[in-house]
């Protein structure tokens, strides 16, 4: 029973220092920690902002590569048609 009284006194002192009940403080602290972990996961996780930016840059690079390959394909197709006409 002595332990319970000592804990009760300590909890009341902590509540007095914090200005609110220990339960409210712990719930608030847990919520803040969970929100922090969620935000960190958004920024640094597998589906993060960095990953999105990387994929956008890769998309632009692929668009440029597609454009240059289409131009090269058109040039080669023109050469092919010229060669087939020359063989006739």
C-alpha atoms as a PDB file:
ATOM      1  CA  UNK A   1       0.000   0.000   0.000  1.00  0.00           C
ATOM      2  CA  UNK A   2       2.933   2.294   0.652  1.00  0.00           C
ATOM      3  CA  UNK A   3       4.029   2.016  -2.984  1.00  0.00           C
ATOM      4  CA  UNK A   4       0.603   3.094  -4.265  1.00  0.00           C
ATOM      5  CA  UNK A   5       0.651   6.171  -2.010  1.00  0.00           C
ATOM      6  CA  UNK A   6       4.147   7.096  -3.170  1.00  0.00           C
ATOM      7  CA  UNK A   7       3.157   6.716  -6.826  1.00  0.00           C
ATOM      8  CA  UNK A   8       0.015   8.770  -6.226  1.00  0.00           C
ATOM      9  CA  UNK A   9       2.074  11.591  -4.721  1.00  0.00           C
ATOM     10  CA  UNK A  10       4.546  11.487  -7.609  1.00  0.00           C
ATOM     11  CA  UNK A  11       1.732  11.530 -10.179  1.00  0.00           C
ATOM     12  CA  UNK A  12       0.084  14.533  -8.468  1.00  0.00           C
ATOM     13  CA  UNK A  13       3.418  16.393  -8.480  1.00  0.00           C
ATOM     14  CA  UNK A  14       3.896  15.659 -12.179  1.00  0.00           C
ATOM     15  CA  UNK A  15       0.331  16.785 -12.921  1.00  0.00           C
ATOM     16  CA  UNK A  16       0.928  19.991 -10.966  1.00  0.00           C
ATOM     17  CA  UNK A  17       4.154  20.689 -12.878  1.00  0.00           C
ATOM     18  CA  UNK A  18       2.571  19.946 -16.274  1.00  0.00           C
ATOM     19  CA  UNK A  19      -0.615  21.818 -15.496  1.00  0.00           C
ATOM     20  CA  UNK A  20      -2.823  18.970 -16.724  1.00  0.00           C
ATOM     21  CA  UNK A  21      -3.557  15.370 -15.909  1.00  0.00           C
ATOM     22  CA  UNK A  22      -0.982  12.706 -16.633  1.00  0.00           C
ATOM     23  CA  UNK A  23      -3.437  10.784 -18.837  1.00  0.00           C
ATOM     24  CA  UNK A  24      -4.035  13.798 -21.068  1.00  0.00           C
ATOM     25  CA  UNK A  25      -0.301  14.453 -21.268  1.00  0.00           C
ATOM     26  CA  UNK A  26       0.497  10.853 -22.234  1.00  0.00           C
ATOM     27  CA  UNK A  27      -2.281  10.692 -24.843  1.00  0.00           C
ATOM     28  CA  UNK A  28      -1.126  13.998 -26.343  1.00  0.00           C
ATOM     29  CA  UNK A  29       2.503  12.844 -26.376  1.00  0.00           C
ATOM     30  CA  UNK A  30       1.568   9.573 -28.095  1.00  0.00           C
ATOM     31  CA  UNK A  31      -0.488  11.421 -30.724  1.00  0.00           C
ATOM     32  CA  UNK A  32       2.386  13.839 -31.400  1.00  0.00           C
ATOM     33  CA  UNK A  33       4.840  10.951 -31.764  1.00  0.00           C
ATOM     34  CA  UNK A  34       2.533   9.061 -34.143  1.00  0.00           C
ATOM     35  CA  UNK A  35       1.966  12.153 -36.285  1.00  0.00           C
ATOM     36  CA  UNK A  36       5.734  12.727 -36.365  1.00  0.00           C
ATOM     37  CA  UNK A  37       6.369   9.165 -37.513  1.00  0.00           C
ATOM     38  CA  UNK A  38       3.672   9.520 -40.194  1.00  0.00           C
ATOM     39  CA  UNK A  39       5.138  12.788 -41.516  1.00  0.00           C
ATOM     40  CA  UNK A  40       8.657  11.336 -41.502  1.00  0.00           C
ATOM     41  CA  UNK A  41       7.364   8.366 -43.490  1.00  0.00           C
ATOM     42  CA  UNK A  42       5.770  10.729 -46.009  1.00  0.00           C
ATOM     43  CA  UNK A  43       9.050  12.574 -46.472  1.00  0.00           C
ATOM     44  CA  UNK A  44      11.578   9.728 -46.284  1.00  0.00           C
ATOM     45  CA  UNK A  45       9.580   6.509 -46.864  1.00  0.00           C
ATOM     46  CA  UNK A  46       9.206   4.316 -49.952  1.00  0.00           C
ATOM     47  CA  UNK A  47       6.368   6.462 -51.303  1.00  0.00           C
ATOM     48  CA  UNK A  48       7.993   9.694 -50.253  1.00  0.00           C
ATOM     49  CA  UNK A  49       8.339  13.151 -51.688  1.00  0.00           C
ATOM     50  CA  UNK A  50      11.911  12.352 -52.736  1.00  0.00           C
ATOM     51  CA  UNK A  51      10.717   9.283 -54.633  1.00  0.00           C
ATOM     52  CA  UNK A  52       8.033  11.353 -56.366  1.00  0.00           C
ATOM     53  CA  UNK A  53      10.589  13.938 -57.479  1.00  0.00           C
ATOM     54  CA  UNK A  54      12.925  11.187 -58.724  1.00  0.00           C
ATOM     55  CA  UNK A  55      10.130   9.584 -60.735  1.00  0.00           C
ATOM     56  CA  UNK A  56       9.135  12.931 -62.242  1.00  0.00           C
ATOM     57  CA  UNK A  57      12.732  13.535 -63.385  1.00  0.00           C
ATOM     58  CA  UNK A  58      12.902  10.017 -64.785  1.00  0.00           C
ATOM     59  CA  UNK A  59       9.620  10.601 -66.633  1.00  0.00           C
ATOM     60  CA  UNK A  60      11.013  13.754 -68.255  1.00  0.00           C
ATOM     61  CA  UNK A  61      14.169  11.893 -69.279  1.00  0.00           C
ATOM     62  CA  UNK A  62      12.119   9.110 -70.817  1.00  0.00           C
ATOM     63  CA  UNK A  63       9.974  11.628 -72.707  1.00  0.00           C
ATOM     64  CA  UNK A  64      13.126  13.159 -74.189  1.00  0.00           C
ATOM     65  CA  UNK A  65      14.458   9.727 -75.101  1.00  0.00           C
ATOM     66  CA  UNK A  66      11.148   8.818 -76.777  1.00  0.00           C
ATOM     67  CA  UNK A  67      11.250  12.045 -78.780  1.00  0.00           C
ATOM     68  CA  UNK A  68      14.809  11.449 -79.995  1.00  0.00           C
ATOM     69  CA  UNK A  69      14.054   7.806 -80.835  1.00  0.00           C
ATOM     70  CA  UNK A  70      10.987   8.851 -82.839  1.00  0.00           C
ATOM     71  CA  UNK A  71      13.100  11.305 -84.791  1.00  0.00           C
ATOM     72  CA  UNK A  72      15.766   8.682 -85.425  1.00  0.00           C
ATOM     73  CA  UNK A  73      13.061   6.217 -86.461  1.00  0.00           C
ATOM     74  CA  UNK A  74      11.619   8.736 -88.930  1.00  0.00           C
ATOM     75  CA  UNK A  75      15.074   9.330 -90.408  1.00  0.00           C
ATOM     76  CA  UNK A  76      15.750   5.597 -90.750  1.00  0.00           C
ATOM     77  CA  UNK A  77      12.307   5.028 -92.252  1.00  0.00           C
ATOM     78  CA  UNK A  78      13.009   7.726 -94.817  1.00  0.00           C
ATOM     79  CA  UNK A  79      16.332   6.055 -95.687  1.00  0.00           C
ATOM     80  CA  UNK A  80      14.591   2.699 -95.991  1.00  0.00           C
ATOM     81  CA  UNK A  81      11.992   4.119 -98.349  1.00  0.00           C
ATOM     82  CA  UNK A  82      14.716   5.784-100.433  1.00  0.00           C
ATOM     83  CA  UNK A  83      16.643   2.507-100.686  1.00  0.00           C
ATOM     84  CA  UNK A  84      13.568   0.525-101.651  1.00  0.00           C
ATOM     85  CA  UNK A  85      12.719   3.118-104.331  1.00  0.00           C
ATOM     86  CA  UNK A  86      16.305   3.013-105.619  1.00  0.00           C
ATOM     87  CA  UNK A  87      16.180  -0.785-105.963  1.00  0.00           C
ATOM     88  CA  UNK A  88      13.134  -0.641-108.250  1.00  0.00           C
END
